Amino acid sequence: MSDTQTHIDTIGELVKDIKFTMMTTVTADGHLHACPMTTSEFDLAKKEIWFIADASTQTVADIKANPQVNLSYTAQNNKDYLSINGKAELVANPAKLDELWSPTYSAFFANGKDDANVQLIKVVPNGAEYWLSGNSVVNMFKLTASAITGGKVADSLGENASVRF
């Protein structure tokens, strides 16, 4: 298996265990705006990451003006991190909405799946970078030893890799 495929598999495993992301968009004023989103579907083989959003939000307005986004995932228990950059598309596809919809989304839309504000967002990733922190107990001892001896250990505290799609 190639290094690229290994990295893609690692990214897939990270997202499988982290359902929520912070989606960062660029506002009309050029500022960054981030909001939490639930990842509805993640398929790097197809280069598709799907979300269900509210069409009346700042996030959707930002995507209309500038489709560049970043998705930030954090696994609290392992202290693993993932950043994916890509281009967002606002999609109208009733069949895809049927596929992704779950009753949980009804809490956000007065008319459920038929609400006029239901908006599909597909992110086509350009690239990603992840940081795996490794074993927290081992890292704690490495950091403590470094503080006492003054040596640098940051490079041995986990794994970091980047991949382009």
Protein backbone atom coordinates (compact mmCIF):
# COMPACT_ATOMS: atom_id res chain seq x y z
CA MET A 1 0.00 0.00 0.00
CA SER A 2 1.34 3.46 -0.90
CA ASP A 3 2.09 6.12 1.71
CA THR A 4 -0.68 8.27 0.20
CA GLN A 5 -3.24 5.47 0.60
CA THR A 6 -2.04 4.84 4.17
CA HIS A 7 -2.57 8.53 4.97
CA ILE A 8 -6.01 8.51 3.32
CA ASP A 9 -6.97 5.44 5.37
CA THR A 10 -5.77 7.17 8.56
CA ILE A 11 -7.84 10.25 7.72
CA GLY A 12 -10.89 8.06 7.10
CA GLU A 13 -10.45 6.38 10.48
CA LEU A 14 -10.12 9.74 12.22
CA VAL A 15 -13.32 11.13 10.71
CA LYS A 16 -15.22 7.92 11.41
CA ASP A 17 -14.54 8.46 15.12
CA ILE A 18 -15.11 12.26 15.05
CA LYS A 19 -18.62 13.11 13.91
CA PHE A 20 -18.37 16.89 14.35
CA THR A 21 -16.17 19.44 12.63
CA MET A 22 -15.65 23.18 12.69
CA MET A 23 -16.28 24.43 9.15
CA THR A 24 -14.40 27.65 8.46
CA THR A 25 -15.53 29.93 5.65
CA VAL A 26 -14.40 33.35 4.42
CA THR A 27 -16.86 36.21 4.95
CA ALA A 28 -17.58 38.96 2.45
CA ASP A 29 -15.23 41.18 4.48
CA GLY A 30 -12.42 38.63 4.17
CA HIS A 31 -12.67 37.48 7.79
CA LEU A 32 -12.74 33.85 8.86
CA HIS A 33 -16.02 32.45 10.23
CA ALA A 34 -16.28 29.01 11.84
CA CYS A 35 -19.29 27.02 12.96
CA PRO A 36 -19.82 23.45 14.16
CA MET A 37 -21.22 21.01 11.62
CA THR A 38 -22.14 17.33 11.67
CA THR A 39 -20.41 15.27 9.00
CA SER A 40 -23.23 13.41 7.23
CA GLU A 41 -21.05 11.39 4.85
CA PHE A 42 -17.32 11.11 4.30
CA ASP A 43 -15.96 9.39 1.18
CA LEU A 44 -12.42 10.30 0.16
CA ALA A 45 -12.50 7.77 -2.70
CA LYS A 46 -15.19 9.94 -4.31
CA LYS A 47 -13.63 13.15 -2.92
CA GLU A 48 -16.89 14.04 -1.19
CA ILE A 49 -17.69 15.19 2.33
CA TRP A 50 -21.39 15.93 2.88
CA PHE A 51 -23.21 18.16 5.34
CA ILE A 52 -26.80 19.27 5.90
CA ALA A 53 -27.06 22.98 6.71
CA ASP A 54 -29.57 25.77 7.09
CA ALA A 55 -29.70 27.92 3.95
CA SER A 56 -30.31 31.05 6.03
CA THR A 57 -26.96 30.84 7.87
CA GLN A 58 -23.79 32.90 7.55
CA THR A 59 -21.95 29.73 6.49
CA VAL A 60 -24.14 29.23 3.41
CA ALA A 61 -23.93 32.93 2.51
CA ASP A 62 -20.14 32.74 2.76
CA ILE A 63 -19.96 29.66 0.53
CA LYS A 64 -22.06 31.40 -2.13
CA ALA A 65 -19.49 34.20 -2.29
CA ASN A 66 -16.31 32.17 -1.75
CA PRO A 67 -16.39 28.35 -1.81
CA GLN A 68 -13.02 27.84 -0.07
CA VAL A 69 -13.49 26.11 3.29
CA ASN A 70 -11.51 24.35 5.96
CA LEU A 71 -12.76 21.51 8.12
CA SER A 72 -11.14 21.02 11.53
CA TYR A 73 -11.66 17.76 13.39
CA THR A 74 -10.43 17.09 16.95
CA ALA A 75 -10.58 13.78 18.82
CA GLN A 76 -10.69 14.73 22.47
CA ASN A 77 -9.91 11.30 23.87
CA ASN A 78 -6.76 10.74 21.77
CA LYS A 79 -5.84 14.38 21.19
CA ASP A 80 -5.67 13.71 17.45
CA TYR A 81 -6.24 16.52 14.98
CA LEU A 82 -7.23 16.74 11.32
CA SER A 83 -7.48 19.72 8.99
CA ILE A 84 -9.04 19.37 5.52
CA ASN A 85 -9.11 22.22 2.99
CA GLY A 86 -11.39 22.17 0.01
CA LYS A 87 -14.08 23.74 -2.11
CA ALA A 88 -17.70 23.70 -0.93
CA GLU A 89 -20.64 23.31 -3.28
CA LEU A 90 -24.26 24.12 -2.44
CA VAL A 91 -26.20 21.19 -3.84
CA ALA A 92 -29.91 20.64 -4.53
CA ASN A 93 -30.35 16.89 -4.80
CA PRO A 94 -33.50 15.36 -3.25
CA ALA A 95 -32.19 11.79 -3.65
CA LYS A 96 -28.97 12.64 -1.78
CA LEU A 97 -30.97 14.43 0.91
CA ASP A 98 -33.12 11.29 1.33
CA GLU A 99 -29.92 9.24 1.66
CA LEU A 100 -28.35 11.53 4.29
CA TRP A 101 -31.41 12.59 6.26
CA SER A 102 -32.02 11.28 9.76
CA PRO A 103 -34.82 12.23 12.17
CA THR A 104 -32.27 14.08 14.30
CA TYR A 105 -32.12 16.87 11.71
CA SER A 106 -35.83 17.60 12.30
CA ALA A 107 -34.78 19.36 15.51
CA PHE A 108 -33.20 22.06 13.33
CA PHE A 109 -35.89 22.42 10.65
CA ALA A 110 -39.54 23.24 11.42
CA ASN A 111 -40.82 21.31 8.38
CA GLY A 112 -38.30 18.48 8.56
CA LYS A 113 -36.73 17.35 5.33
CA ASP A 114 -39.23 19.43 3.32
CA ASP A 115 -38.19 22.69 4.99
CA ALA A 116 -37.23 25.36 2.45
CA ASN A 117 -34.04 26.11 4.42
CA VAL A 118 -32.56 22.61 4.17
CA GLN A 119 -29.31 22.96 2.22
CA LEU A 120 -26.87 20.23 1.22
CA ILE A 121 -23.20 21.15 1.25
CA LYS A 122 -20.64 18.97 -0.52
CA VAL A 123 -16.98 19.66 0.20
CA VAL A 124 -14.50 18.45 -2.40
CA PRO A 125 -11.20 18.18 -0.52
CA ASN A 126 -7.95 19.57 -1.95
CA GLY A 127 -5.69 18.34 0.80
CA ALA A 128 -5.44 17.39 4.44
CA GLU A 129 -3.00 17.33 7.31
CA TYR A 130 -3.29 15.32 10.50
CA TRP A 131 -1.50 15.08 13.80
CA LEU A 132 -1.70 11.91 15.90
CA SER A 133 -0.48 12.48 19.44
CA GLY A 134 0.23 8.86 20.29
CA ASN A 135 0.04 7.50 23.83
CA SER A 136 -0.79 10.30 26.31
CA VAL A 137 0.97 8.63 29.24
CA VAL A 138 4.18 8.13 27.26
CA ASN A 139 4.01 11.71 25.99
CA MET A 140 3.55 13.01 29.54
CA PHE A 141 6.78 11.27 30.60
CA LYS A 142 8.62 12.58 27.52
CA LEU A 143 7.46 16.14 28.25
CA THR A 144 8.42 15.84 31.91
CA ALA A 145 11.87 14.49 31.01
CA SER A 146 12.30 17.30 28.49
CA ALA A 147 11.39 19.93 31.07
CA ILE A 148 14.01 18.52 33.44
CA THR A 149 16.79 17.98 30.89
CA GLY A 150 16.00 20.84 28.53
CA GLY A 151 15.88 18.59 25.45
CA LYS A 152 13.42 18.92 22.58
CA VAL A 153 10.96 16.03 22.25
CA ALA A 154 8.16 17.54 20.17
CA ASP A 155 9.15 15.60 17.05
CA SER A 156 8.73 12.28 18.90
CA LEU A 157 5.31 12.98 20.43
CA GLY A 158 3.25 11.52 17.61
CA GLU A 159 2.76 11.38 13.87
CA ASN A 160 2.18 14.21 11.39
CA ALA A 161 1.41 13.81 7.70
CA SER A 162 0.00 15.81 4.78
CA VAL A 163 -1.75 14.50 1.69
CA ARG A 164 -3.02 16.15 -1.52
CA PHE A 165 -6.12 14.84 -3.28
